[in-house]
Amino acid sequence: MTTDEFAAIARAARIVQLDQELSPARRRVAQSLYELASILTNPDYGCATETFAVEAMYRHLQRTAHLH
């Protein structure tokens, strides 16, 4: 993934994090995703496991939220 992709995921997760209609558990996942994706926008950080975590969390949120 590129830093731009991580930034886009972070922005989408931030929107979900603030959506009061979603459950607190989903908003916590979105908060964690936002934090991790934000860190990974720096190309000096990250590893394959963290990239996998971002992808998995993003897919999880996409099932119940309108992420683009």
C-alpha atoms as a PDB file:
ATOM      1  CA  MET A   1       0.000   0.000   0.000  1.00  0.00           C
ATOM      2  CA  THR A   2       1.094   3.543  -0.617  1.00  0.00           C
ATOM      3  CA  THR A   3       1.170   6.395   1.854  1.00  0.00           C
ATOM      4  CA  ASP A   4      -1.726   7.970  -0.071  1.00  0.00           C
ATOM      5  CA  GLU A   5      -3.791   4.810   0.410  1.00  0.00           C
ATOM      6  CA  PHE A   6      -3.049   4.793   4.128  1.00  0.00           C
ATOM      7  CA  ALA A   7      -4.054   8.464   4.311  1.00  0.00           C
ATOM      8  CA  ALA A   8      -7.345   7.751   2.517  1.00  0.00           C
ATOM      9  CA  ILE A   9      -8.096   4.873   4.887  1.00  0.00           C
ATOM     10  CA  ALA A  10      -7.263   7.068   7.879  1.00  0.00           C
ATOM     11  CA  ARG A  11      -9.671   9.754   6.628  1.00  0.00           C
ATOM     12  CA  ALA A  12     -12.456   7.216   6.058  1.00  0.00           C
ATOM     13  CA  ALA A  13     -11.887   5.652   9.474  1.00  0.00           C
ATOM     14  CA  ARG A  14     -12.037   9.071  11.131  1.00  0.00           C
ATOM     15  CA  ILE A  15     -15.473   9.656   9.605  1.00  0.00           C
ATOM     16  CA  VAL A  16     -16.709   6.280  10.867  1.00  0.00           C
ATOM     17  CA  GLN A  17     -15.203   6.942  14.280  1.00  0.00           C
ATOM     18  CA  LEU A  18     -17.408  10.026  14.612  1.00  0.00           C
ATOM     19  CA  ASP A  19     -20.621   8.307  13.400  1.00  0.00           C
ATOM     20  CA  GLN A  20     -22.814   8.148  16.508  1.00  0.00           C
ATOM     21  CA  GLU A  21     -25.233   5.740  14.811  1.00  0.00           C
ATOM     22  CA  LEU A  22     -22.659   2.940  14.843  1.00  0.00           C
ATOM     23  CA  SER A  23     -22.009   0.781  17.869  1.00  0.00           C
ATOM     24  CA  PRO A  24     -19.264   1.779  20.299  1.00  0.00           C
ATOM     25  CA  ALA A  25     -17.342  -1.368  19.315  1.00  0.00           C
ATOM     26  CA  ARG A  26     -17.321  -0.373  15.625  1.00  0.00           C
ATOM     27  CA  ARG A  27     -16.263   3.147  16.516  1.00  0.00           C
ATOM     28  CA  ARG A  28     -13.372   1.760  18.603  1.00  0.00           C
ATOM     29  CA  VAL A  29     -12.243  -0.344  15.637  1.00  0.00           C
ATOM     30  CA  ALA A  30     -12.435   2.778  13.487  1.00  0.00           C
ATOM     31  CA  GLN A  31     -10.384   4.710  16.041  1.00  0.00           C
ATOM     32  CA  SER A  32      -7.693   2.021  16.082  1.00  0.00           C
ATOM     33  CA  LEU A  33      -7.704   1.871  12.300  1.00  0.00           C
ATOM     34  CA  TYR A  34      -7.389   5.653  12.104  1.00  0.00           C
ATOM     35  CA  GLU A  35      -4.435   5.662  14.486  1.00  0.00           C
ATOM     36  CA  LEU A  36      -2.590   2.812  12.759  1.00  0.00           C
ATOM     37  CA  ALA A  37      -3.230   4.062   9.220  1.00  0.00           C
ATOM     38  CA  SER A  38      -2.103   7.542  10.261  1.00  0.00           C
ATOM     39  CA  ILE A  39       1.179   6.149  11.563  1.00  0.00           C
ATOM     40  CA  LEU A  40       1.698   4.182   8.365  1.00  0.00           C
ATOM     41  CA  THR A  41       1.436   7.307   6.208  1.00  0.00           C
ATOM     42  CA  ASN A  42       5.085   7.762   7.183  1.00  0.00           C
ATOM     43  CA  PRO A  43       7.072   5.464   4.853  1.00  0.00           C
ATOM     44  CA  ASP A  44       9.713   4.945   7.554  1.00  0.00           C
ATOM     45  CA  TYR A  45       7.252   2.982   9.692  1.00  0.00           C
ATOM     46  CA  GLY A  46       5.287  -0.173   9.240  1.00  0.00           C
ATOM     47  CA  CYS A  47       5.698  -3.806   8.422  1.00  0.00           C
ATOM     48  CA  ALA A  48       3.710  -6.450   6.596  1.00  0.00           C
ATOM     49  CA  THR A  49       1.791  -7.379   9.751  1.00  0.00           C
ATOM     50  CA  GLU A  50       0.643  -3.805  10.302  1.00  0.00           C
ATOM     51  CA  THR A  51      -0.378  -3.465   6.668  1.00  0.00           C
ATOM     52  CA  PHE A  52      -2.372  -6.694   6.977  1.00  0.00           C
ATOM     53  CA  ALA A  53      -4.042  -5.342  10.142  1.00  0.00           C
ATOM     54  CA  VAL A  54      -5.060  -2.132   8.357  1.00  0.00           C
ATOM     55  CA  GLU A  55      -6.514  -4.108   5.454  1.00  0.00           C
ATOM     56  CA  ALA A  56      -8.401  -6.492   7.754  1.00  0.00           C
ATOM     57  CA  MET A  57      -9.829  -3.726   9.933  1.00  0.00           C
ATOM     58  CA  TYR A  58     -10.810  -1.695   6.879  1.00  0.00           C
ATOM     59  CA  ARG A  59     -12.646  -4.668   5.332  1.00  0.00           C
ATOM     60  CA  HIS A  60     -14.379  -5.283   8.670  1.00  0.00           C
ATOM     61  CA  LEU A  61     -15.656  -1.714   8.819  1.00  0.00           C
ATOM     62  CA  GLN A  62     -16.693  -1.732   5.174  1.00  0.00           C
ATOM     63  CA  ARG A  63     -19.219  -4.463   5.927  1.00  0.00           C
ATOM     64  CA  THR A  64     -21.264  -2.191   8.173  1.00  0.00           C
ATOM     65  CA  ALA A  65     -20.260   1.359   7.295  1.00  0.00           C
ATOM     66  CA  HIS A  66     -20.241   3.253   4.050  1.00  0.00           C
ATOM     67  CA  LEU A  67     -16.504   3.574   3.468  1.00  0.00           C
ATOM     68  CA  HIS A  68     -15.212   4.481   0.030  1.00  0.00           C
END
